[in-house]
Amino acid sequence: MLRDQYYDRISRARRLDGESRLLFAVLEDAVHCYTVAARSGRPCHQLALDEARQWVNTRGDRYLFSFDSICRVFDLEPELLRDRLNSLGGATMRPCRFRKMGRSTVLTSSE
């Protein structure tokens, strides 16, 4: 195996495939709805938050796109994330940036 082949294989292992990126985008959108609505009083943001909150608080992993199923794909504890999202408030929110590199996604906080 050539050096370039080795590093190409390693970098592909760290990248998310198309299906995982789609699942991550669904989860990312829900988190975004929580964070935007926590700092905004606009009705459209509150409506998006209500929909995201209903999805997050529906328990069960029967469906691929359920909150619990997506959390399990990324080795996240659904109850812990659910509790954290539901405890967010406008006064406690600090901006958080999601940095995307190529086709892989890295979560970083601006703290």
PDB file of N, CA and C in Angstrom:
ATOM      1  N   MET A   1       0.862  -1.182   0.000  1.00  0.00           N
ATOM      2  CA  MET A   1       0.000   0.000   0.000  1.00  0.00           C
ATOM      3  C   MET A   1       0.898   1.232   0.000  1.00  0.00           C
ATOM      4  N   LEU A   2       0.591   2.135  -0.880  1.00  0.00           N
ATOM      5  CA  LEU A   2       1.340   3.375  -0.959  1.00  0.00           C
ATOM      6  C   LEU A   2       0.902   4.336   0.139  1.00  0.00           C
ATOM      7  N   ARG A   3       1.791   5.277   0.435  1.00  0.00           N
ATOM      8  CA  ARG A   3       1.511   6.253   1.490  1.00  0.00           C
ATOM      9  C   ARG A   3       0.223   7.027   1.200  1.00  0.00           C
ATOM     10  N   ASP A   4       0.018   7.457  -0.056  1.00  0.00           N
ATOM     11  CA  ASP A   4      -1.185   8.208  -0.415  1.00  0.00           C
ATOM     12  C   ASP A   4      -2.443   7.366  -0.250  1.00  0.00           C
ATOM     13  N   GLN A   5      -2.365   6.091  -0.570  1.00  0.00           N
ATOM     14  CA  GLN A   5      -3.509   5.199  -0.399  1.00  0.00           C
ATOM     15  C   GLN A   5      -3.853   5.050   1.080  1.00  0.00           C
ATOM     16  N   TYR A   6      -2.842   4.957   1.916  1.00  0.00           N
ATOM     17  CA  TYR A   6      -3.058   4.826   3.363  1.00  0.00           C
ATOM     18  C   TYR A   6      -3.776   6.059   3.920  1.00  0.00           C
ATOM     19  N   TYR A   7      -3.258   7.234   3.594  1.00  0.00           N
ATOM     20  CA  TYR A   7      -3.859   8.452   4.126  1.00  0.00           C
ATOM     21  C   TYR A   7      -5.237   8.718   3.531  1.00  0.00           C
ATOM     22  N   ASP A   8      -5.450   8.322   2.287  1.00  0.00           N
ATOM     23  CA  ASP A   8      -6.773   8.453   1.687  1.00  0.00           C
ATOM     24  C   ASP A   8      -7.774   7.568   2.416  1.00  0.00           C
ATOM     25  N   ARG A   9      -7.388   6.377   2.758  1.00  0.00           N
ATOM     26  CA  ARG A   9      -8.277   5.457   3.481  1.00  0.00           C
ATOM     27  C   ARG A   9      -8.598   5.991   4.875  1.00  0.00           C
ATOM     28  N   ILE A  10      -7.601   6.537   5.549  1.00  0.00           N
ATOM     29  CA  ILE A  10      -7.822   7.097   6.888  1.00  0.00           C
ATOM     30  C   ILE A  10      -8.751   8.305   6.814  1.00  0.00           C
ATOM     31  N   SER A  11      -8.530   9.194   5.845  1.00  0.00           N
ATOM     32  CA  SER A  11      -9.380  10.386   5.766  1.00  0.00           C
ATOM     33  C   SER A  11     -10.811  10.019   5.406  1.00  0.00           C
ATOM     34  N   ARG A  12     -11.012   8.993   4.575  1.00  0.00           N
ATOM     35  CA  ARG A  12     -12.372   8.564   4.243  1.00  0.00           C
ATOM     36  C   ARG A  12     -13.068   7.973   5.453  1.00  0.00           C
ATOM     37  N   ALA A  13     -12.334   7.325   6.331  1.00  0.00           N
ATOM     38  CA  ALA A  13     -12.938   6.724   7.523  1.00  0.00           C
ATOM     39  C   ALA A  13     -13.480   7.795   8.465  1.00  0.00           C
ATOM     40  N   ARG A  14     -12.871   8.977   8.454  1.00  0.00           N
ATOM     41  CA  ARG A  14     -13.311  10.048   9.341  1.00  0.00           C
ATOM     42  C   ARG A  14     -14.444  10.866   8.752  1.00  0.00           C
ATOM     43  N   ARG A  15     -14.680  10.741   7.476  1.00  0.00           N
ATOM     44  CA  ARG A  15     -15.747  11.506   6.822  1.00  0.00           C
ATOM     45  C   ARG A  15     -17.067  10.764   6.937  1.00  0.00           C
ATOM     46  N   LEU A  16     -18.118  11.533   6.951  1.00  0.00           N
ATOM     47  CA  LEU A  16     -19.444  10.953   7.007  1.00  0.00           C
ATOM     48  C   LEU A  16     -19.901  10.603   5.599  1.00  0.00           C
ATOM     49  N   ASP A  17     -20.530   9.450   5.445  1.00  0.00           N
ATOM     50  CA  ASP A  17     -21.086   9.103   4.145  1.00  0.00           C
ATOM     51  C   ASP A  17     -22.369   9.905   3.928  1.00  0.00           C
ATOM     52  N   GLY A  18     -22.958   9.787   2.758  1.00  0.00           N
ATOM     53  CA  GLY A  18     -24.132  10.589   2.416  1.00  0.00           C
ATOM     54  C   GLY A  18     -25.302  10.405   3.359  1.00  0.00           C
ATOM     55  N   GLU A  19     -25.575   9.159   3.724  1.00  0.00           N
ATOM     56  CA  GLU A  19     -26.701   8.894   4.625  1.00  0.00           C
ATOM     57  C   GLU A  19     -26.449   9.489   6.007  1.00  0.00           C
ATOM     58  N   SER A  20     -25.219   9.359   6.498  1.00  0.00           N
ATOM     59  CA  SER A  20     -24.895   9.917   7.819  1.00  0.00           C
ATOM     60  C   SER A  20     -24.946  11.434   7.805  1.00  0.00           C
ATOM     61  N   ARG A  21     -24.507  12.038   6.692  1.00  0.00           N
ATOM     62  CA  ARG A  21     -24.590  13.499   6.594  1.00  0.00           C
ATOM     63  C   ARG A  21     -26.027  13.973   6.606  1.00  0.00           C
ATOM     64  N   LEU A  22     -26.922  13.220   5.956  1.00  0.00           N
ATOM     65  CA  LEU A  22     -28.340  13.576   5.959  1.00  0.00           C
ATOM     66  C   LEU A  22     -28.905  13.493   7.375  1.00  0.00           C
ATOM     67  N   LEU A  23     -28.603  12.416   8.076  1.00  0.00           N
ATOM     68  CA  LEU A  23     -29.078  12.270   9.454  1.00  0.00           C
ATOM     69  C   LEU A  23     -28.511  13.372  10.337  1.00  0.00           C
ATOM     70  N   PHE A  24     -27.233  13.691  10.139  1.00  0.00           N
ATOM     71  CA  PHE A  24     -26.625  14.753  10.931  1.00  0.00           C
ATOM     72  C   PHE A  24     -27.277  16.097  10.636  1.00  0.00           C
ATOM     73  N   ALA A  25     -27.622  16.338   9.373  1.00  0.00           N
ATOM     74  CA  ALA A  25     -28.274  17.600   9.003  1.00  0.00           C
ATOM     75  C   ALA A  25     -29.632  17.738   9.680  1.00  0.00           C
ATOM     76  N   VAL A  26     -30.358  16.635   9.819  1.00  0.00           N
ATOM     77  CA  VAL A  26     -31.659  16.674  10.506  1.00  0.00           C
ATOM     78  C   VAL A  26     -31.450  17.061  11.974  1.00  0.00           C
ATOM     79  N   LEU A  27     -30.472  16.431  12.618  1.00  0.00           N
ATOM     80  CA  LEU A  27     -30.184  16.741  14.022  1.00  0.00           C
ATOM     81  C   LEU A  27     -29.668  18.172  14.166  1.00  0.00           C
ATOM     82  N   GLU A  28     -28.804  18.574  13.271  1.00  0.00           N
ATOM     83  CA  GLU A  28     -28.255  19.927  13.304  1.00  0.00           C
ATOM     84  C   GLU A  28     -29.355  20.974  13.145  1.00  0.00           C
ATOM     85  N   ASP A  29     -30.327  20.709  12.279  1.00  0.00           N
ATOM     86  CA  ASP A  29     -31.426  21.646  12.075  1.00  0.00           C
ATOM     87  C   ASP A  29     -32.268  21.792  13.341  1.00  0.00           C
ATOM     88  N   ALA A  30     -32.491  20.682  14.029  1.00  0.00           N
ATOM     89  CA  ALA A  30     -33.259  20.758  15.278  1.00  0.00           C
ATOM     90  C   ALA A  30     -32.520  21.586  16.323  1.00  0.00           C
ATOM     91  N   VAL A  31     -31.225  21.364  16.451  1.00  0.00           N
ATOM     92  CA  VAL A  31     -30.423  22.147  17.404  1.00  0.00           C
ATOM     93  C   VAL A  31     -30.441  23.614  16.999  1.00  0.00           C
ATOM     94  N   HIS A  32     -30.354  23.872  15.713  1.00  0.00           N
ATOM     95  CA  HIS A  32     -30.400  25.250  15.218  1.00  0.00           C
ATOM     96  C   HIS A  32     -31.734  25.907  15.568  1.00  0.00           C
ATOM     97  N   CYS A  33     -32.826  25.181  15.419  1.00  0.00           N
ATOM     98  CA  CYS A  33     -34.148  25.724  15.774  1.00  0.00           C
ATOM     99  C   CYS A  33     -34.197  26.101  17.251  1.00  0.00           C
ATOM    100  N   TYR A  34     -33.654  25.245  18.105  1.00  0.00           N
ATOM    101  CA  TYR A  34     -33.623  25.542  19.538  1.00  0.00           C
ATOM    102  C   TYR A  34     -32.804  26.791  19.821  1.00  0.00           C
ATOM    103  N   THR A  35     -31.632  26.898  19.216  1.00  0.00           N
ATOM    104  CA  THR A  35     -30.753  28.018  19.543  1.00  0.00           C
ATOM    105  C   THR A  35     -31.246  29.337  18.968  1.00  0.00           C
ATOM    106  N   VAL A  36     -31.798  29.318  17.760  1.00  0.00           N
ATOM    107  CA  VAL A  36     -32.301  30.554  17.161  1.00  0.00           C
ATOM    108  C   VAL A  36     -33.543  31.035  17.905  1.00  0.00           C
ATOM    109  N   ALA A  37     -34.456  30.141  18.185  1.00  0.00           N
ATOM    110  CA  ALA A  37     -35.694  30.527  18.858  1.00  0.00           C
ATOM    111  C   ALA A  37     -35.437  31.005  20.284  1.00  0.00           C
ATOM    112  N   ALA A  38     -34.387  30.476  20.906  1.00  0.00           N
ATOM    113  CA  ALA A  38     -34.071  30.901  22.275  1.00  0.00           C
ATOM    114  C   ALA A  38     -33.651  32.367  22.321  1.00  0.00           C
ATOM    115  N   ARG A  39     -33.133  32.878  21.203  1.00  0.00           N
ATOM    116  CA  ARG A  39     -32.687  34.277  21.159  1.00  0.00           C
ATOM    117  C   ARG A  39     -33.634  35.180  20.383  1.00  0.00           C
ATOM    118  N   SER A  40     -34.736  34.616  19.860  1.00  0.00           N
ATOM    119  CA  SER A  40     -35.624  35.385  18.997  1.00  0.00           C
ATOM    120  C   SER A  40     -37.058  35.294  19.496  1.00  0.00           C
ATOM    121  N   GLY A  41     -37.799  36.323  19.258  1.00  0.00           N
ATOM    122  CA  GLY A  41     -39.208  36.303  19.611  1.00  0.00           C
ATOM    123  C   GLY A  41     -40.110  36.221  18.386  1.00  0.00           C
ATOM    124  N   ARG A  42     -39.514  36.025  17.215  1.00  0.00           N
ATOM    125  CA  ARG A  42     -40.292  35.999  15.979  1.00  0.00           C
ATOM    126  C   ARG A  42     -41.193  34.772  15.934  1.00  0.00           C
ATOM    127  N   PRO A  43     -42.423  34.948  15.486  1.00  0.00           N
ATOM    128  CA  PRO A  43     -43.372  33.834  15.420  1.00  0.00           C
ATOM    129  C   PRO A  43     -42.886  32.660  14.560  1.00  0.00           C
ATOM    130  N   CYS A  44     -42.211  32.950  13.451  1.00  0.00           N
ATOM    131  CA  CYS A  44     -41.741  31.852  12.591  1.00  0.00           C
ATOM    132  C   CYS A  44     -40.684  31.018  13.304  1.00  0.00           C
ATOM    133  N   HIS A  45     -39.844  31.660  14.117  1.00  0.00           N
ATOM    134  CA  HIS A  45     -38.846  30.917  14.881  1.00  0.00           C
ATOM    135  C   HIS A  45     -39.507  30.093  15.983  1.00  0.00           C
ATOM    136  N   GLN A  46     -40.535  30.643  16.590  1.00  0.00           N
ATOM    137  CA  GLN A  46     -41.237  29.904  17.641  1.00  0.00           C
ATOM    138  C   GLN A  46     -41.967  28.692  17.063  1.00  0.00           C
ATOM    139  N   LEU A  47     -42.513  28.834  15.870  1.00  0.00           N
ATOM    140  CA  LEU A  47     -43.178  27.714  15.211  1.00  0.00           C
ATOM    141  C   LEU A  47     -42.172  26.602  14.900  1.00  0.00           C
ATOM    142  N   ALA A  48     -41.004  26.978  14.378  1.00  0.00           N
ATOM    143  CA  ALA A  48     -39.951  25.994  14.099  1.00  0.00           C
ATOM    144  C   ALA A  48     -39.494  25.320  15.389  1.00  0.00           C
ATOM    145  N   LEU A  49     -39.401  26.095  16.471  1.00  0.00           N
ATOM    146  CA  LEU A  49     -39.023  25.525  17.760  1.00  0.00           C
ATOM    147  C   LEU A  49     -40.066  24.534  18.249  1.00  0.00           C
ATOM    148  N   ASP A  50     -41.341  24.874  18.108  1.00  0.00           N
ATOM    149  CA  ASP A  50     -42.403  23.958  18.534  1.00  0.00           C
ATOM    150  C   ASP A  50     -42.332  22.633  17.784  1.00  0.00           C
ATOM    151  N   GLU A  51     -42.078  22.705  16.478  1.00  0.00           N
ATOM    152  CA  GLU A  51     -41.960  21.476  15.684  1.00  0.00           C
ATOM    153  C   GLU A  51     -40.726  20.670  16.092  1.00  0.00           C
ATOM    154  N   ALA A  52     -39.609  21.363  16.285  1.00  0.00           N
ATOM    155  CA  ALA A  52     -38.383  20.670  16.703  1.00  0.00           C
ATOM    156  C   ALA A  52     -38.556  20.069  18.097  1.00  0.00           C
ATOM    157  N   ARG A  53     -39.198  20.802  18.994  1.00  0.00           N
ATOM    158  CA  ARG A  53     -39.415  20.305  20.352  1.00  0.00           C
ATOM    159  C   ARG A  53     -40.304  19.059  20.348  1.00  0.00           C
ATOM    160  N   GLN A  54     -41.316  19.049  19.507  1.00  0.00           N
ATOM    161  CA  GLN A  54     -42.185  17.874  19.406  1.00  0.00           C
ATOM    162  C   GLN A  54     -41.383  16.671  18.894  1.00  0.00           C
ATOM    163  N   TRP A  55     -40.541  16.883  17.888  1.00  0.00           N
ATOM    164  CA  TRP A  55     -39.718  15.795  17.338  1.00  0.00           C
ATOM    165  C   TRP A  55     -38.718  15.280  18.375  1.00  0.00           C
ATOM    166  N   VAL A  56     -38.047  16.202  19.065  1.00  0.00           N
ATOM    167  CA  VAL A  56     -37.044  15.816  20.072  1.00  0.00           C
ATOM    168  C   VAL A  56     -37.693  15.050  21.217  1.00  0.00           C
ATOM    169  N   ASN A  57     -38.880  15.446  21.632  1.00  0.00           N
ATOM    170  CA  ASN A  57     -39.518  14.837  22.802  1.00  0.00           C
ATOM    171  C   ASN A  57     -40.369  13.611  22.484  1.00  0.00           C
ATOM    172  N   THR A  58     -40.418  13.216  21.219  1.00  0.00           N
ATOM    173  CA  THR A  58     -41.093  11.967  20.857  1.00  0.00           C
ATOM    174  C   THR A  58     -40.097  10.837  21.029  1.00  0.00           C
ATOM    175  N   ARG A  59     -40.367   9.971  21.988  1.00  0.00           N
ATOM    176  CA  ARG A  59     -39.430   8.891  22.307  1.00  0.00           C
ATOM    177  C   ARG A  59     -39.679   7.668  21.434  1.00  0.00           C
ATOM    178  N   GLY A  60     -38.603   6.930  21.205  1.00  0.00           N
ATOM    179  CA  GLY A  60     -38.687   5.698  20.437  1.00  0.00           C
ATOM    180  C   GLY A  60     -37.771   5.744  19.232  1.00  0.00           C
ATOM    181  N   ASP A  61     -37.307   4.580  18.850  1.00  0.00           N
ATOM    182  CA  ASP A  61     -36.398   4.514  17.707  1.00  0.00           C
ATOM    183  C   ASP A  61     -36.930   3.597  16.614  1.00  0.00           C
ATOM    184  N   ARG A  62     -38.247   3.562  16.501  1.00  0.00           N
ATOM    185  CA  ARG A  62     -38.886   2.721  15.494  1.00  0.00           C
ATOM    186  C   ARG A  62     -38.613   3.222  14.080  1.00  0.00           C
ATOM    187  N   TYR A  63     -38.483   4.525  13.924  1.00  0.00           N
ATOM    188  CA  TYR A  63     -38.271   5.124  12.611  1.00  0.00           C
ATOM    189  C   TYR A  63     -36.833   5.618  12.475  1.00  0.00           C
ATOM    190  N   LEU A  64     -36.289   5.511  11.272  1.00  0.00           N
ATOM    191  CA  LEU A  64     -34.903   5.909  11.012  1.00  0.00           C
ATOM    192  C   LEU A  64     -34.659   7.373  11.355  1.00  0.00           C
ATOM    193  N   PHE A  65     -35.623   8.231  11.048  1.00  0.00           N
ATOM    194  CA  PHE A  65     -35.436   9.659  11.267  1.00  0.00           C
ATOM    195  C   PHE A  65     -35.965  10.137  12.615  1.00  0.00           C
ATOM    196  N   SER A  66     -36.212   9.236  13.537  1.00  0.00           N
ATOM    197  CA  SER A  66     -36.615   9.667  14.874  1.00  0.00           C
ATOM    198  C   SER A  66     -35.395  10.222  15.608  1.00  0.00           C
ATOM    199  N   PHE A  67     -35.645  11.067  16.578  1.00  0.00           N
ATOM    200  CA  PHE A  67     -34.567  11.673  17.356  1.00  0.00           C
ATOM    201  C   PHE A  67     -33.700  10.609  18.012  1.00  0.00           C
ATOM    202  N   ASP A  68     -34.323   9.609  18.641  1.00  0.00           N
ATOM    203  CA  ASP A  68     -33.565   8.561  19.319  1.00  0.00           C
ATOM    204  C   ASP A  68     -32.707   7.768  18.342  1.00  0.00           C
ATOM    205  N   SER A  69     -33.240   7.453  17.161  1.00  0.00           N
ATOM    206  CA  SER A  69     -32.464   6.703  16.165  1.00  0.00           C
ATOM    207  C   SER A  69     -31.253   7.491  15.693  1.00  0.00           C
ATOM    208  N   ILE A  70     -31.455   8.763  15.422  1.00  0.00           N
ATOM    209  CA  ILE A  70     -30.345   9.587  14.943  1.00  0.00           C
ATOM    210  C   ILE A  70     -29.286   9.734  16.022  1.00  0.00           C
ATOM    211  N   CYS A  71     -29.695   9.922  17.252  1.00  0.00           N
ATOM    212  CA  CYS A  71     -28.719  10.016  18.344  1.00  0.00           C
ATOM    213  C   CYS A  71     -27.898   8.735  18.446  1.00  0.00           C
ATOM    214  N   ARG A  72     -28.535   7.608  18.299  1.00  0.00           N
ATOM    215  CA  ARG A  72     -27.816   6.330  18.402  1.00  0.00           C
ATOM    216  C   ARG A  72     -26.818   6.144  17.261  1.00  0.00           C
ATOM    217  N   VAL A  73     -27.138   6.645  16.072  1.00  0.00           N
ATOM    218  CA  VAL A  73     -26.210   6.557  14.945  1.00  0.00           C
ATOM    219  C   VAL A  73     -24.899   7.271  15.281  1.00  0.00           C
ATOM    220  N   PHE A  74     -24.991   8.388  15.997  1.00  0.00           N
ATOM    221  CA  PHE A  74     -23.812   9.185  16.330  1.00  0.00           C
ATOM    222  C   PHE A  74     -23.312   8.943  17.754  1.00  0.00           C
ATOM    223  N   ASP A  75     -23.759   7.871  18.369  1.00  0.00           N
ATOM    224  CA  ASP A  75     -23.341   7.502  19.731  1.00  0.00           C
ATOM    225  C   ASP A  75     -23.589   8.625  20.737  1.00  0.00           C
ATOM    226  N   LEU A  76     -24.736   9.273  20.597  1.00  0.00           N
ATOM    227  CA  LEU A  76     -25.156  10.302  21.544  1.00  0.00           C
ATOM    228  C   LEU A  76     -26.216   9.710  22.450  1.00  0.00           C
ATOM    229  N   GLU A  77     -26.232  10.122  23.691  1.00  0.00           N
ATOM    230  CA  GLU A  77     -27.248   9.666  24.627  1.00  0.00           C
ATOM    231  C   GLU A  77     -28.494  10.532  24.415  1.00  0.00           C
ATOM    232  N   PRO A  78     -29.577   9.947  23.874  1.00  0.00           N
ATOM    233  CA  PRO A  78     -30.759  10.754  23.533  1.00  0.00           C
ATOM    234  C   PRO A  78     -31.362  11.493  24.727  1.00  0.00           C
ATOM    235  N   GLU A  79     -31.442  10.847  25.872  1.00  0.00           N
ATOM    236  CA  GLU A  79     -32.058  11.512  27.032  1.00  0.00           C
ATOM    237  C   GLU A  79     -31.235  12.702  27.498  1.00  0.00           C
ATOM    238  N   LEU A  80     -29.929  12.571  27.484  1.00  0.00           N
ATOM    239  CA  LEU A  80     -29.069  13.677  27.902  1.00  0.00           C
ATOM    240  C   LEU A  80     -29.198  14.857  26.947  1.00  0.00           C
ATOM    241  N   LEU A  81     -29.133  14.577  25.648  1.00  0.00           N
ATOM    242  CA  LEU A  81     -29.272  15.657  24.665  1.00  0.00           C
ATOM    243  C   LEU A  81     -30.663  16.268  24.725  1.00  0.00           C
ATOM    244  N   ARG A  82     -31.676  15.445  24.894  1.00  0.00           N
ATOM    245  CA  ARG A  82     -33.057  15.926  25.009  1.00  0.00           C
ATOM    246  C   ARG A  82     -33.181  16.877  26.204  1.00  0.00           C
ATOM    247  N   ASP A  83     -32.631  16.478  27.345  1.00  0.00           N
ATOM    248  CA  ASP A  83     -32.688  17.326  28.540  1.00  0.00           C
ATOM    249  C   ASP A  83     -31.952  18.643  28.331  1.00  0.00           C
ATOM    250  N   ARG A  84     -30.791  18.566  27.686  1.00  0.00           N
ATOM    251  CA  ARG A  84     -30.018  19.786  27.446  1.00  0.00           C
ATOM    252  C   ARG A  84     -30.752  20.741  26.509  1.00  0.00           C
ATOM    253  N   LEU A  85     -31.318  20.202  25.451  1.00  0.00           N
ATOM    254  CA  LEU A  85     -32.054  21.060  24.512  1.00  0.00           C
ATOM    255  C   LEU A  85     -33.265  21.690  25.183  1.00  0.00           C
ATOM    256  N   ASN A  86     -33.993  20.913  25.976  1.00  0.00           N
ATOM    257  CA  ASN A  86     -35.192  21.446  26.626  1.00  0.00           C
ATOM    258  C   ASN A  86     -34.873  22.448  27.727  1.00  0.00           C
ATOM    259  N   SER A  87     -33.638  22.443  28.217  1.00  0.00           N
ATOM    260  CA  SER A  87     -33.280  23.382  29.276  1.00  0.00           C
ATOM    261  C   SER A  87     -32.714  24.697  28.731  1.00  0.00           C
ATOM    262  N   LEU A  88     -32.578  24.794  27.412  1.00  0.00           N
ATOM    263  CA  LEU A  88     -32.038  26.029  26.834  1.00  0.00           C
ATOM    264  C   LEU A  88     -33.011  27.178  27.034  1.00  0.00           C
ATOM    265  N   GLY A  89     -32.466  28.313  27.357  1.00  0.00           N
ATOM    266  CA  GLY A  89     -33.262  29.526  27.492  1.00  0.00           C
ATOM    267  C   GLY A  89     -32.529  30.678  26.843  1.00  0.00           C
ATOM    268  N   GLY A  90     -33.230  31.692  26.458  1.00  0.00           N
ATOM    269  CA  GLY A  90     -32.624  32.835  25.783  1.00  0.00           C
ATOM    270  C   GLY A  90     -31.530  33.500  26.589  1.00  0.00           C
ATOM    271  N   ALA A  91     -31.676  33.572  27.888  1.00  0.00           N
ATOM    272  CA  ALA A  91     -30.691  34.246  28.727  1.00  0.00           C
ATOM    273  C   ALA A  91     -29.403  33.437  28.844  1.00  0.00           C
ATOM    274  N   THR A  92     -29.490  32.123  28.690  1.00  0.00           N
ATOM    275  CA  THR A  92     -28.309  31.290  28.868  1.00  0.00           C
ATOM    276  C   THR A  92     -27.606  30.952  27.565  1.00  0.00           C
ATOM    277  N   MET A  93     -28.125  31.435  26.443  1.00  0.00           N
ATOM    278  CA  MET A  93     -27.576  31.058  25.149  1.00  0.00           C
ATOM    279  C   MET A  93     -26.346  31.880  24.800  1.00  0.00           C
ATOM    280  N   ARG A  94     -25.315  31.171  24.366  1.00  0.00           N
ATOM    281  CA  ARG A  94     -24.150  31.803  23.767  1.00  0.00           C
ATOM    282  C   ARG A  94     -24.038  31.266  22.357  1.00  0.00           C
ATOM    283  N   PRO A  95     -23.596  32.095  21.420  1.00  0.00           N
ATOM    284  CA  PRO A  95     -23.485  31.608  20.043  1.00  0.00           C
ATOM    285  C   PRO A  95     -22.516  30.432  19.956  1.00  0.00           C
ATOM    286  N   CYS A  96     -22.833  29.494  19.112  1.00  0.00           N
ATOM    287  CA  CYS A  96     -21.985  28.329  18.874  1.00  0.00           C
ATOM    288  C   CYS A  96     -21.851  28.183  17.369  1.00  0.00           C
ATOM    289  N   ARG A  97     -20.667  27.950  16.913  1.00  0.00           N
ATOM    290  CA  ARG A  97     -20.440  27.823  15.479  1.00  0.00           C
ATOM    291  C   ARG A  97     -20.217  26.370  15.118  1.00  0.00           C
ATOM    292  N   PHE A  98     -20.757  25.987  13.984  1.00  0.00           N
ATOM    293  CA  PHE A  98     -20.516  24.672  13.416  1.00  0.00           C
ATOM    294  C   PHE A  98     -19.550  24.884  12.264  1.00  0.00           C
ATOM    295  N   ARG A  99     -18.397  24.268  12.377  1.00  0.00           N
ATOM    296  CA  ARG A  99     -17.385  24.424  11.344  1.00  0.00           C
ATOM    297  C   ARG A  99     -17.408  23.190  10.467  1.00  0.00           C
ATOM    298  N   LYS A 100     -17.556  23.409   9.170  1.00  0.00           N
ATOM    299  CA  LYS A 100     -17.609  22.292   8.237  1.00  0.00           C
ATOM    300  C   LYS A 100     -16.352  22.298   7.386  1.00  0.00           C
ATOM    301  N   MET A 101     -15.744  21.151   7.279  1.00  0.00           N
ATOM    302  CA  MET A 101     -14.534  21.010   6.476  1.00  0.00           C
ATOM    303  C   MET A 101     -14.791  19.981   5.395  1.00  0.00           C
ATOM    304  N   GLY A 102     -14.808  20.421   4.159  1.00  0.00           N
ATOM    305  CA  GLY A 102     -15.039  19.489   3.067  1.00  0.00           C
ATOM    306  C   GLY A 102     -16.353  18.767   3.258  1.00  0.00           C
ATOM    307  N   ARG A 103     -16.308  17.461   3.237  1.00  0.00           N
ATOM    308  CA  ARG A 103     -17.516  16.686   3.416  1.00  0.00           C
ATOM    309  C   ARG A 103     -17.639  16.157   4.833  1.00  0.00           C
ATOM    310  N   SER A 104     -16.651  16.410   5.649  1.00  0.00           N
ATOM    311  CA  SER A 104     -16.752  15.993   7.038  1.00  0.00           C
ATOM    312  C   SER A 104     -17.247  17.165   7.864  1.00  0.00           C
ATOM    313  N   THR A 105     -17.806  16.879   9.010  1.00  0.00           N
ATOM    314  CA  THR A 105     -18.343  17.928   9.853  1.00  0.00           C
ATOM    315  C   THR A 105     -17.698  17.854  11.226  1.00  0.00           C
ATOM    316  N   VAL A 106     -17.195  18.959  11.690  1.00  0.00           N
ATOM    317  CA  VAL A 106     -16.562  19.026  12.993  1.00  0.00           C
ATOM    318  C   VAL A 106     -17.357  20.006  13.828  1.00  0.00           C
ATOM    319  N   LEU A 107     -17.752  19.601  15.015  1.00  0.00           N
ATOM    320  CA  LEU A 107     -18.474  20.504  15.906  1.00  0.00           C
ATOM    321  C   LEU A 107     -17.469  21.212  16.794  1.00  0.00           C
ATOM    322  N   THR A 108     -17.521  22.518  16.789  1.00  0.00           N
ATOM    323  CA  THR A 108     -16.665  23.277  17.687  1.00  0.00           C
ATOM    324  C   THR A 108     -17.484  24.368  18.322  1.00  0.00           C
ATOM    325  N   SER A 109     -17.134  24.706  19.509  1.00  0.00           N
ATOM    326  CA  SER A 109     -17.811  25.771  20.205  1.00  0.00           C
ATOM    327  C   SER A 109     -16.927  27.007  20.164  1.00  0.00           C
ATOM    328  N   SER A 110     -17.528  28.165  20.114  1.00  0.00           N
ATOM    329  CA  SER A 110     -16.769  29.402  20.061  1.00  0.00           C
ATOM    330  C   SER A 110     -16.383  29.892  21.450  1.00  0.00           C
ATOM    331  N   GLU A 111     -16.487  29.015  22.443  1.00  0.00           N
ATOM    332  CA  GLU A 111     -16.171  29.415  23.825  1.00  0.00           C
ATOM    333  C   GLU A 111     -14.688  29.573  24.011  1.00  0.00           C
TER     334      GLU A 111
END
